[in-house]
Amino acid sequence: MSPLERHYTTRELAEALGLNEATIRRAAMRGELRSRRFGHRRRYSHSAVMEWLDSLESPSPMRPAA
């Protein structure tokens, strides 16, 4: 992760992906989406978002394929 890497707020990420903010927060709280906390606010790096999206596309041994 580069210090110059783009970071998103929960709202920005939800809007960009067309998801509810609660969906983003739940993924972060479950450890599926890496984030950094600053006070009560979370920030999501671009690389963490890309990893999370990739994990949603590939079947996991813990999750049956659709």
C-alpha atoms as a PDB file:
ATOM      1  CA  MET A   1       0.000   0.000   0.000  1.00  0.00           C
ATOM      2  CA  SER A   2       1.398   3.350  -1.019  1.00  0.00           C
ATOM      3  CA  PRO A   3       0.886   6.393   1.226  1.00  0.00           C
ATOM      4  CA  LEU A   4      -0.370   8.168  -1.898  1.00  0.00           C
ATOM      5  CA  GLU A   5      -2.969   5.491  -2.615  1.00  0.00           C
ATOM      6  CA  ARG A   6      -6.572   6.691  -2.902  1.00  0.00           C
ATOM      7  CA  HIS A   7      -8.714   6.110   0.194  1.00  0.00           C
ATOM      8  CA  TYR A   8     -12.509   6.183   0.297  1.00  0.00           C
ATOM      9  CA  THR A   9     -15.015   7.023   3.001  1.00  0.00           C
ATOM     10  CA  THR A  10     -17.853   4.583   3.627  1.00  0.00           C
ATOM     11  CA  ARG A  11     -20.259   6.880   1.793  1.00  0.00           C
ATOM     12  CA  GLU A  12     -17.950   7.361  -1.217  1.00  0.00           C
ATOM     13  CA  LEU A  13     -17.382   3.627  -1.539  1.00  0.00           C
ATOM     14  CA  ALA A  14     -21.066   2.779  -1.204  1.00  0.00           C
ATOM     15  CA  GLU A  15     -22.012   5.328  -3.869  1.00  0.00           C
ATOM     16  CA  ALA A  16     -19.248   4.192  -6.245  1.00  0.00           C
ATOM     17  CA  LEU A  17     -20.263   0.530  -5.945  1.00  0.00           C
ATOM     18  CA  GLY A  18     -24.017   1.099  -5.798  1.00  0.00           C
ATOM     19  CA  LEU A  19     -24.262  -0.533  -2.365  1.00  0.00           C
ATOM     20  CA  ASN A  20     -25.789   0.459   0.928  1.00  0.00           C
ATOM     21  CA  GLU A  21     -23.376   1.958   3.468  1.00  0.00           C
ATOM     22  CA  ALA A  22     -24.364  -0.755   5.955  1.00  0.00           C
ATOM     23  CA  THR A  23     -23.144  -3.421   3.518  1.00  0.00           C
ATOM     24  CA  ILE A  24     -19.724  -1.781   3.430  1.00  0.00           C
ATOM     25  CA  ARG A  25     -19.595  -1.457   7.228  1.00  0.00           C
ATOM     26  CA  ARG A  26     -20.596  -5.089   7.778  1.00  0.00           C
ATOM     27  CA  ALA A  27     -17.889  -6.321   5.389  1.00  0.00           C
ATOM     28  CA  ALA A  28     -15.320  -4.259   7.295  1.00  0.00           C
ATOM     29  CA  MET A  29     -16.529  -5.442  10.700  1.00  0.00           C
ATOM     30  CA  ARG A  30     -16.371  -9.086   9.561  1.00  0.00           C
ATOM     31  CA  GLY A  31     -12.809  -8.539   8.348  1.00  0.00           C
ATOM     32  CA  GLU A  32     -13.708  -9.151   4.704  1.00  0.00           C
ATOM     33  CA  LEU A  33     -12.843  -5.583   3.689  1.00  0.00           C
ATOM     34  CA  ARG A  34      -9.676  -4.110   5.175  1.00  0.00           C
ATOM     35  CA  SER A  35     -10.089  -0.622   6.574  1.00  0.00           C
ATOM     36  CA  ARG A  36      -8.436   1.910   8.838  1.00  0.00           C
ATOM     37  CA  ARG A  37     -10.296   3.672  11.586  1.00  0.00           C
ATOM     38  CA  PHE A  38      -9.818   7.335  12.337  1.00  0.00           C
ATOM     39  CA  GLY A  39     -11.933   8.030  15.394  1.00  0.00           C
ATOM     40  CA  HIS A  40     -15.372   6.680  14.527  1.00  0.00           C
ATOM     41  CA  ARG A  41     -14.773   6.883  10.781  1.00  0.00           C
ATOM     42  CA  ARG A  42     -13.378   4.224   8.490  1.00  0.00           C
ATOM     43  CA  ARG A  43     -11.270   4.671   5.374  1.00  0.00           C
ATOM     44  CA  TYR A  44     -10.842   2.016   2.696  1.00  0.00           C
ATOM     45  CA  SER A  45      -7.762   1.920   0.477  1.00  0.00           C
ATOM     46  CA  HIS A  46      -8.160   1.306  -3.227  1.00  0.00           C
ATOM     47  CA  SER A  47      -6.102  -1.905  -2.981  1.00  0.00           C
ATOM     48  CA  ALA A  48      -8.281  -3.208  -0.117  1.00  0.00           C
ATOM     49  CA  VAL A  49     -11.420  -2.523  -2.154  1.00  0.00           C
ATOM     50  CA  MET A  50      -9.998  -4.342  -5.181  1.00  0.00           C
ATOM     51  CA  GLU A  51      -9.027  -7.365  -3.032  1.00  0.00           C
ATOM     52  CA  TRP A  52     -12.521  -7.451  -1.520  1.00  0.00           C
ATOM     53  CA  LEU A  53     -14.198  -7.271  -4.924  1.00  0.00           C
ATOM     54  CA  ASP A  54     -11.934 -10.062  -6.232  1.00  0.00           C
ATOM     55  CA  SER A  55     -12.851 -12.230  -3.243  1.00  0.00           C
ATOM     56  CA  LEU A  56     -16.544 -11.767  -4.029  1.00  0.00           C
ATOM     57  CA  GLU A  57     -16.010 -13.039  -7.575  1.00  0.00           C
ATOM     58  CA  SER A  58     -14.000 -16.161  -6.712  1.00  0.00           C
ATOM     59  CA  PRO A  59     -15.574 -18.990  -4.719  1.00  0.00           C
ATOM     60  CA  SER A  60     -14.181 -19.546  -1.260  1.00  0.00           C
ATOM     61  CA  PRO A  61     -13.777 -22.967   0.397  1.00  0.00           C
ATOM     62  CA  MET A  62     -15.892 -21.582   3.217  1.00  0.00           C
ATOM     63  CA  ARG A  63     -18.634 -20.333   0.868  1.00  0.00           C
ATOM     64  CA  PRO A  64     -20.425 -22.549  -1.648  1.00  0.00           C
ATOM     65  CA  ALA A  65     -20.351 -21.377  -5.244  1.00  0.00           C
ATOM     66  CA  ALA A  66     -23.624 -19.873  -6.490  1.00  0.00           C
END
